[in-house]
């Protein structure tokens, strides 16, 4: 058996001590806390008639994971929901501990011809309640069908930018950007996005979501 000489043993002990010392004082990596994000919407974000895992929240989750974000997205989309419905279920759809919400509501208001003033009032209250809970908001806008007349379309179109300005929240002007009226990206009903359509919606909204997450993590670190 090979026996180390005393000088060599002393040197090794010294090196081992230095390794332990520097390991103790070297800063360990700090991992960002996971952001809890809720998508509060209707059938456009709920994954209407799409295969499991291919709806907007799920595809957005995958895209953010791929980009390295620590985020957990909850799908709070309800098919057929209106702004009134979203406001009524806000308490249980956006649970305690939520950091940020993408608000995607209003399409069904327009399809039902709801007075834009009422839609504005509902969203105004909804955003106010979220802000009161210190939850960051990204407001996703919607457009009214042209067959409802120019006055209605114009009045409805003002809802989202006006609310974004009032509450100082970021606005993604049109949730269906790049997909609306594109037959190859829609289901047979011509209204809801198919799997490919959702993928395009996710790519288009990504920069806005990244800014939302940046604001969320920034505010939580203070």
Protein backbone atom coordinates (compact mmCIF):
# COMPACT_ATOMS: atom_id res chain seq x y z
CA UNK A 1 0.00 0.00 0.00
CA UNK A 2 1.25 3.48 -0.94
CA UNK A 3 1.55 5.84 2.05
CA UNK A 4 1.67 9.60 1.55
CA UNK A 5 4.50 11.43 3.20
CA UNK A 6 3.75 13.99 5.90
CA UNK A 7 4.48 17.07 3.68
CA UNK A 8 2.17 15.75 0.98
CA UNK A 9 -0.59 15.05 3.50
CA UNK A 10 -0.27 18.57 4.89
CA UNK A 11 -0.55 20.07 1.39
CA UNK A 12 -3.61 17.99 0.59
CA UNK A 13 -5.27 18.98 3.86
CA UNK A 14 -4.59 22.64 3.09
CA UNK A 15 -6.06 22.33 -0.42
CA UNK A 16 -9.11 20.52 0.90
CA UNK A 17 -9.65 23.24 3.49
CA UNK A 18 -9.45 25.93 0.81
CA UNK A 19 -11.97 24.06 -1.35
CA UNK A 20 -14.45 23.88 1.54
CA UNK A 21 -13.89 27.58 2.34
CA UNK A 22 -14.45 28.83 -1.21
CA UNK A 23 -17.46 26.57 -1.67
CA UNK A 24 -19.01 28.11 1.43
CA UNK A 25 -18.50 31.70 0.30
CA UNK A 26 -19.33 31.20 -3.39
CA UNK A 27 -22.82 32.55 -4.11
CA UNK A 28 -25.22 29.78 -5.02
CA UNK A 29 -27.54 30.26 -8.02
CA UNK A 30 -30.89 31.82 -7.15
CA UNK A 31 -33.84 30.50 -9.10
CA UNK A 32 -36.70 32.85 -9.89
CA UNK A 33 -39.98 32.01 -8.22
CA UNK A 34 -42.58 30.47 -10.50
CA UNK A 35 -45.11 33.02 -11.79
CA UNK A 36 -48.75 31.96 -11.57
CA UNK A 37 -50.57 33.22 -14.65
CA UNK A 38 -54.30 32.82 -15.34
CA UNK A 39 -55.93 33.16 -18.76
CA UNK A 40 -59.42 34.48 -18.01
CA UNK A 41 -61.45 34.19 -21.16
CA UNK A 42 -64.12 32.56 -23.30
CA UNK A 43 -64.06 29.82 -25.94
CA UNK A 44 -61.35 31.60 -27.94
CA UNK A 45 -58.85 30.87 -25.18
CA UNK A 46 -60.53 27.83 -23.62
CA UNK A 47 -59.52 25.46 -26.45
CA UNK A 48 -62.98 25.02 -27.95
CA UNK A 49 -63.19 21.75 -29.93
CA UNK A 50 -59.42 21.35 -29.94
CA UNK A 51 -57.44 18.25 -28.90
CA UNK A 52 -56.44 18.18 -25.26
CA UNK A 53 -53.32 20.25 -24.65
CA UNK A 54 -53.55 22.32 -27.83
CA UNK A 55 -55.57 25.28 -26.59
CA UNK A 56 -54.16 28.76 -26.08
CA UNK A 57 -53.09 28.41 -22.42
CA UNK A 58 -51.39 25.06 -23.08
CA UNK A 59 -49.55 26.22 -26.19
CA UNK A 60 -48.52 29.43 -24.44
CA UNK A 61 -47.24 27.36 -21.52
CA UNK A 62 -45.12 25.28 -23.87
CA UNK A 63 -43.78 28.33 -25.68
CA UNK A 64 -42.80 30.03 -22.41
CA UNK A 65 -41.21 26.86 -21.07
CA UNK A 66 -39.16 26.61 -24.25
CA UNK A 67 -38.02 30.21 -23.73
CA UNK A 68 -36.88 29.36 -20.20
CA UNK A 69 -39.60 31.08 -18.16
CA UNK A 70 -40.66 29.79 -14.76
CA UNK A 71 -44.43 30.07 -15.15
CA UNK A 72 -47.54 28.00 -14.50
CA UNK A 73 -50.58 28.87 -16.58
CA UNK A 74 -54.15 28.08 -15.55
CA UNK A 75 -56.90 27.85 -18.15
CA UNK A 76 -59.86 29.86 -16.84
CA UNK A 77 -61.63 30.00 -20.18
CA UNK A 78 -65.37 29.23 -20.31
CA UNK A 79 -67.06 28.75 -23.66
CA UNK A 80 -69.87 31.23 -24.24
CA UNK A 81 -68.79 33.48 -21.40
CA UNK A 82 -69.39 37.22 -21.47
CA UNK A 83 -67.74 40.05 -19.59
CA UNK A 84 -70.60 39.84 -17.06
CA UNK A 85 -69.92 36.14 -16.58
CA UNK A 86 -66.21 36.70 -16.20
CA UNK A 87 -66.81 39.37 -13.58
CA UNK A 88 -69.24 37.14 -11.67
CA UNK A 89 -66.80 34.22 -11.47
CA UNK A 90 -63.66 36.27 -10.92
CA UNK A 91 -63.29 35.24 -7.28
CA UNK A 92 -62.97 31.51 -7.99
CA UNK A 93 -61.51 31.68 -11.50
CA UNK A 94 -58.55 33.74 -10.28
CA UNK A 95 -57.53 32.09 -7.01
CA UNK A 96 -55.41 33.51 -4.22
CA UNK A 97 -51.73 33.54 -5.12
CA UNK A 98 -52.24 34.50 -8.76
CA UNK A 99 -49.53 36.87 -10.01
CA UNK A 100 -50.85 37.89 -13.41
CA UNK A 101 -53.94 37.55 -15.59
CA UNK A 102 -54.54 37.74 -19.33
CA UNK A 103 -58.08 39.09 -19.67
CA UNK A 104 -59.67 37.85 -22.90
CA UNK A 105 -63.39 38.63 -22.78
CA UNK A 106 -65.89 40.54 -24.87
CA UNK A 107 -66.32 38.52 -28.07
CA UNK A 108 -69.62 37.05 -26.90
CA UNK A 109 -70.82 40.47 -25.78
CA UNK A 110 -70.42 41.65 -29.36
CA UNK A 111 -72.07 38.55 -30.84
CA UNK A 112 -75.06 39.15 -28.55
CA UNK A 113 -75.19 42.84 -29.29
CA UNK A 114 -74.57 43.85 -25.67
CA UNK A 115 -74.40 47.61 -25.24
CA UNK A 116 -70.68 48.57 -25.39
CA UNK A 117 -71.22 50.79 -22.33
CA UNK A 118 -72.16 47.70 -20.32
CA UNK A 119 -69.19 45.73 -21.65
CA UNK A 120 -66.95 48.64 -20.66
CA UNK A 121 -68.51 48.76 -17.18
CA UNK A 122 -68.01 45.02 -16.64
CA UNK A 123 -64.38 45.03 -17.74
CA UNK A 124 -63.72 48.21 -15.80
CA UNK A 125 -64.90 46.53 -12.59
CA UNK A 126 -63.05 43.31 -13.40
CA UNK A 127 -59.71 45.03 -13.98
CA UNK A 128 -60.23 47.18 -10.89
CA UNK A 129 -60.74 44.10 -8.73
CA UNK A 130 -57.59 42.46 -10.11
CA UNK A 131 -55.50 45.56 -9.51
CA UNK A 132 -56.86 45.84 -5.97
CA UNK A 133 -55.37 42.38 -5.40
CA UNK A 134 -52.01 43.55 -6.82
CA UNK A 135 -52.39 41.23 -9.81
CA UNK A 136 -50.76 42.32 -13.06
CA UNK A 137 -53.09 42.49 -16.06
CA UNK A 138 -52.64 42.10 -19.82
CA UNK A 139 -55.83 43.16 -21.58
CA UNK A 140 -56.53 41.33 -24.84
CA UNK A 141 -58.76 43.33 -27.15
CA UNK A 142 -61.54 42.14 -29.40
CA UNK A 143 -63.32 43.55 -32.45
CA UNK A 144 -67.04 43.54 -33.16
CA UNK A 145 -68.44 41.92 -36.34
CA UNK A 146 -68.90 44.48 -39.10
CA UNK A 147 -72.52 43.44 -39.67
CA UNK A 148 -73.48 45.10 -36.38
CA UNK A 149 -73.09 48.50 -37.99
CA UNK A 150 -70.37 51.13 -37.98
CA UNK A 151 -71.61 52.90 -34.83
CA UNK A 152 -71.57 49.71 -32.77
CA UNK A 153 -68.21 48.61 -34.19
CA UNK A 154 -66.66 51.98 -33.40
CA UNK A 155 -68.10 52.13 -29.88
CA UNK A 156 -67.02 48.57 -29.14
CA UNK A 157 -63.55 49.19 -30.56
CA UNK A 158 -62.93 52.01 -28.08
CA UNK A 159 -63.55 49.84 -25.03
CA UNK A 160 -60.15 48.20 -24.78
CA UNK A 161 -57.79 51.13 -25.45
CA UNK A 162 -59.86 53.36 -23.17
CA UNK A 163 -59.68 50.82 -20.33
CA UNK A 164 -55.98 50.21 -20.86
CA UNK A 165 -55.37 53.94 -20.58
CA UNK A 166 -57.62 54.37 -17.54
CA UNK A 167 -56.06 51.50 -15.58
CA UNK A 168 -52.55 51.89 -16.99
CA UNK A 169 -52.38 48.24 -18.07
CA UNK A 170 -50.77 46.86 -21.22
CA UNK A 171 -53.05 46.21 -24.18
CA UNK A 172 -52.78 43.54 -26.86
CA UNK A 173 -55.13 45.20 -29.38
CA UNK A 174 -56.67 42.13 -31.07
CA UNK A 175 -56.54 38.62 -29.63
CA UNK A 176 -57.22 37.01 -33.02
CA UNK A 177 -54.57 38.99 -34.86
CA UNK A 178 -53.33 37.08 -37.91
CA UNK A 179 -56.03 34.43 -37.53
CA UNK A 180 -59.43 36.11 -37.90
CA UNK A 181 -61.01 35.51 -41.33
CA UNK A 182 -58.20 33.10 -42.29
CA UNK A 183 -60.11 29.92 -43.17
CA UNK A 184 -57.08 27.65 -42.96
CA UNK A 185 -56.51 28.77 -39.36
CA UNK A 186 -60.10 28.44 -38.15
CA UNK A 187 -62.51 25.65 -37.32
CA UNK A 188 -65.41 24.99 -39.67
CA UNK A 189 -67.52 27.55 -37.82
CA UNK A 190 -65.21 30.27 -39.13
CA UNK A 191 -64.96 31.83 -35.67
CA UNK A 192 -62.72 29.73 -33.46
CA UNK A 193 -59.01 29.09 -34.09
CA UNK A 194 -57.79 25.62 -34.93
CA UNK A 195 -54.54 24.22 -33.55
CA UNK A 196 -52.44 26.04 -36.17
CA UNK A 197 -54.35 29.23 -35.55
CA UNK A 198 -53.67 29.06 -31.83
CA UNK A 199 -49.96 28.60 -32.51
CA UNK A 200 -49.94 31.84 -34.51
CA UNK A 201 -51.88 33.65 -31.78
CA UNK A 202 -49.30 32.51 -29.24
CA UNK A 203 -46.39 33.75 -31.33
CA UNK A 204 -48.06 37.10 -31.92
CA UNK A 205 -48.87 37.74 -28.26
CA UNK A 206 -45.55 36.42 -26.90
CA UNK A 207 -43.74 39.79 -26.70
CA UNK A 208 -46.63 41.23 -24.69
CA UNK A 209 -46.69 38.24 -22.35
CA UNK A 210 -42.94 38.50 -21.83
CA UNK A 211 -43.34 42.14 -20.82
CA UNK A 212 -46.13 41.13 -18.45
CA UNK A 213 -43.92 38.51 -16.83
CA UNK A 214 -41.05 41.00 -16.55
CA UNK A 215 -43.31 43.45 -14.71
CA UNK A 216 -44.63 40.68 -12.50
CA UNK A 217 -41.22 39.41 -11.42
CA UNK A 218 -39.94 42.97 -11.02
CA UNK A 219 -42.75 43.99 -8.69
CA UNK A 220 -42.51 40.78 -6.65
CA UNK A 221 -38.80 41.36 -6.02
CA UNK A 222 -39.42 44.70 -4.31
